[in-house]
Amino acid sequence: MGERWEVRRGGPADAAHRVLMIPGGLCTTEFCADVMAEPAVAGLGTVAVTLPGFGRTDPPEDVSMEHYARLMADFAAEAGCEAVVGHSLGANVALEMAALGLFRGPLVLLSPSFSRGDETKSLAVLNAVGRVPGLGAMVWAGMLGLLPRAMKRELPPLRAEALAAVMADNDPAACRRILHEYYVYLGRHPSLVQRLCGAGVPSWVVRGDHDEIGLTDEERAGLQACPYVRMVTVPDAGHAVLVEQPKAVAEVVLEAVKAGVR
């Protein structure tokens, strides 16, 4: 695949069904390890790939969401994956794979954002400050340096140190570019609910019961009205549902794969 790819594989080499897992922003395949180790998906071939540009992988020249969707769709086709699981930014990439008609299998979307307003205020501020020459570079470098201490409070205790270190080990310049293009993407699509429903693929939208990412009443109603979307709320989980409740996530993944092969 080239130097930009960081790939983690699990499950039987001859598995009948394969799933692509896409971690979120600042994250690597390490964030997928807990779900991949769950008994519910033991019979599946699981293939996790870090979005190029995160975790010190090489970013593509084009870091738009549409280009990431094409990269991941090509990867899924080459790896023989028939379902996609995405978390956070990775969930939005998965959504875009379907919206562009590049992937027709089931989607498991873990805490995606459906509009710019759903994102945390701190991320919006980071994006704005990141565009200021000189200051932006310093702020990003400082933020990444502070991440381990900040994230340990939000991640499972036994995994917090390792996962926080992964998030801190990112290239500030690449992160600034990717975040900016993400906000440009959200600006092009004021609401992604109809974009997801219009794709016509079976989709599970999974959120923790105290997720920091917002969801408006209008967005929720639109998702609930869509015949292709199933909403799942995971107890005792926030935005990091992938690592907070891997068993619950693995069970949804298995359900999505089974639905896709009926």
Foldseek 3Di string as FASTA:
>chain_A
DDQQKDKDKAADPPAPAEEEEEEDPLFACVLQVVLRPAPLCNRYIYMYIYQGQHLPGHHDPDLALLVSLVVVLVVCVVVVHQEYEYAERGLVSVLNVLLVVSHAAEYEYQDYAFAPVQDDPVLVVLLVQLVDPPRNLVVLLVVLVCQLVVQCVQADVVCSNVRSPSSSNGDSVSSNVNSNSVNVVNVVRRGCLCSSLVSVHAYEYEAEPAESGDADPVSVVSQVPRPRYDYYYHYPHYSSCSRRPSNVVSNVVSVRVVVRVD
